[in-house]
C-alpha atoms as a PDB file:
ATOM      1  CA  MET A   1     -42.378 -90.519  79.590  1.00  0.00           C
ATOM      2  CA  LEU A   2     -41.231 -88.622  82.666  1.00  0.00           C
ATOM      3  CA  THR A   3     -39.046 -90.394  85.240  1.00  0.00           C
ATOM      4  CA  LEU A   4     -36.750 -89.531  88.133  1.00  0.00           C
ATOM      5  CA  ALA A   5     -33.037 -90.233  87.842  1.00  0.00           C
ATOM      6  CA  ALA A   6     -31.586 -92.990  90.036  1.00  0.00           C
ATOM      7  CA  GLU A   7     -30.018 -90.537  92.468  1.00  0.00           C
ATOM      8  CA  THR A   8     -33.422 -88.958  93.228  1.00  0.00           C
ATOM      9  CA  ARG A   9     -35.499 -92.157  93.320  1.00  0.00           C
ATOM     10  CA  PRO A  10     -36.858 -93.550  96.555  1.00  0.00           C
ATOM     11  CA  ARG A  11     -34.354 -95.946  98.118  1.00  0.00           C
ATOM     12  CA  VAL A  12     -36.956 -98.604  98.903  1.00  0.00           C
ATOM     13  CA  LEU A  13     -36.368-102.068  97.501  1.00  0.00           C
ATOM     14  CA  GLY A  14     -38.855-102.680  94.715  1.00  0.00           C
ATOM     15  CA  ALA A  15     -40.010 -99.042  94.575  1.00  0.00           C
ATOM     16  CA  ARG A  16     -40.776 -97.763  91.111  1.00  0.00           C
ATOM     17  CA  SER A  17     -39.937 -94.290  89.890  1.00  0.00           C
ATOM     18  CA  PRO A  18     -42.878 -91.996  89.234  1.00  0.00           C
ATOM     19  CA  GLN A  19     -43.686 -91.996  85.531  1.00  0.00           C
ATOM     20  CA  ALA A  20     -46.111 -90.154  83.293  1.00  0.00           C
ATOM     21  CA  ALA A  21     -46.611 -90.686  79.565  1.00  0.00           C
ATOM     22  CA  LEU A  22     -47.090 -87.182  78.139  1.00  0.00           C
ATOM     23  CA  THR A  23     -46.210 -85.569  74.817  1.00  0.00           C
ATOM     24  CA  HIS A  24     -44.739 -82.064  74.557  1.00  0.00           C
ATOM     25  CA  GLN A  25     -48.168 -80.969  73.308  1.00  0.00           C
ATOM     26  CA  GLN A  26     -49.855 -82.409  76.402  1.00  0.00           C
ATOM     27  CA  ILE A  27     -47.285 -80.849  78.745  1.00  0.00           C
ATOM     28  CA  ALA A  28     -47.779 -77.512  76.983  1.00  0.00           C
ATOM     29  CA  ALA A  29     -51.561 -77.757  77.350  1.00  0.00           C
ATOM     30  CA  LEU A  30     -51.208 -78.496  81.076  1.00  0.00           C
ATOM     31  CA  ALA A  31     -48.892 -75.484  81.439  1.00  0.00           C
ATOM     32  CA  GLY A  32     -51.124 -73.233  79.326  1.00  0.00           C
ATOM     33  CA  THR A  33     -48.464 -72.539  76.706  1.00  0.00           C
ATOM     34  CA  SER A  34     -47.500 -73.580  73.173  1.00  0.00           C
ATOM     35  CA  ARG A  35     -45.666 -76.778  72.230  1.00  0.00           C
ATOM     36  CA  GLU A  36     -42.803 -74.641  70.911  1.00  0.00           C
ATOM     37  CA  THR A  37     -42.450 -72.806  74.239  1.00  0.00           C
ATOM     38  CA  CYS A  38     -42.640 -76.090  76.133  1.00  0.00           C
ATOM     39  CA  THR A  39     -39.851 -77.557  73.996  1.00  0.00           C
ATOM     40  CA  LYS A  40     -37.681 -74.440  74.518  1.00  0.00           C
ATOM     41  CA  VAL A  41     -38.160 -74.545  78.301  1.00  0.00           C
ATOM     42  CA  LEU A  42     -37.380 -78.272  78.405  1.00  0.00           C
ATOM     43  CA  ARG A  43     -34.176 -77.640  76.451  1.00  0.00           C
ATOM     44  CA  ASP A  44     -33.271 -74.817  78.860  1.00  0.00           C
ATOM     45  CA  PHE A  45     -33.825 -77.179  81.811  1.00  0.00           C
ATOM     46  CA  ALA A  46     -31.648 -79.795  80.095  1.00  0.00           C
ATOM     47  CA  ASP A  47     -28.889 -77.200  79.562  1.00  0.00           C
ATOM     48  CA  GLN A  48     -29.041 -76.463  83.315  1.00  0.00           C
ATOM     49  CA  HIS A  49     -28.762 -80.222  84.070  1.00  0.00           C
ATOM     50  CA  LEU A  50     -32.173 -80.265  85.756  1.00  0.00           C
ATOM     51  CA  ILE A  51     -33.517 -82.862  83.332  1.00  0.00           C
ATOM     52  CA  ARG A  52     -32.201 -85.208  80.650  1.00  0.00           C
ATOM     53  CA  LEU A  53     -34.065 -85.389  77.344  1.00  0.00           C
ATOM     54  CA  ALA A  54     -34.117 -88.516  75.223  1.00  0.00           C
ATOM     55  CA  ARG A  55     -36.526 -89.648  72.538  1.00  0.00           C
ATOM     56  CA  GLY A  56     -39.825 -90.247  74.284  1.00  0.00           C
ATOM     57  CA  ARG A  57     -38.378 -89.709  77.758  1.00  0.00           C
ATOM     58  CA  ILE A  58     -37.669 -86.865  80.167  1.00  0.00           C
ATOM     59  CA  THR A  59     -35.610 -87.827  83.214  1.00  0.00           C
ATOM     60  CA  VAL A  60     -35.630 -85.483  86.211  1.00  0.00           C
ATOM     61  CA  LEU A  61     -32.036 -85.150  87.416  1.00  0.00           C
ATOM     62  CA  ASP A  62     -32.459 -82.529  90.140  1.00  0.00           C
ATOM     63  CA  ALA A  63     -36.012 -82.482  91.469  1.00  0.00           C
ATOM     64  CA  GLU A  64     -35.251 -79.906  94.170  1.00  0.00           C
ATOM     65  CA  ARG A  65     -33.780 -77.312  91.795  1.00  0.00           C
ATOM     66  CA  LEU A  66     -36.532 -78.029  89.270  1.00  0.00           C
ATOM     67  CA  ALA A  67     -39.150 -77.363  91.972  1.00  0.00           C
ATOM     68  CA  ASP A  68     -37.368 -74.095  92.804  1.00  0.00           C
ATOM     69  CA  HIS A  69     -37.894 -73.002  89.177  1.00  0.00           C
ATOM     70  CA  ALA A  70     -41.593 -73.726  89.555  1.00  0.00           C
ATOM     71  CA  GLY A  71     -41.787 -71.324  92.476  1.00  0.00           C
END
């Protein structure tokens, strides 16, 4: 599941964070790459504090910097 961290969530009472239930395999297919490459890139993003990885969950910590990586 992909979510936004509290500091990047909309500040509207009752607003829910965007979420998507995707596996690494599904993310890789969407990106046109292998699951192994997807996992490596996600770990790189986590090392740069752009995302936080937990079992079954990816939390976006810095959406702006992450978007910069996407071009």
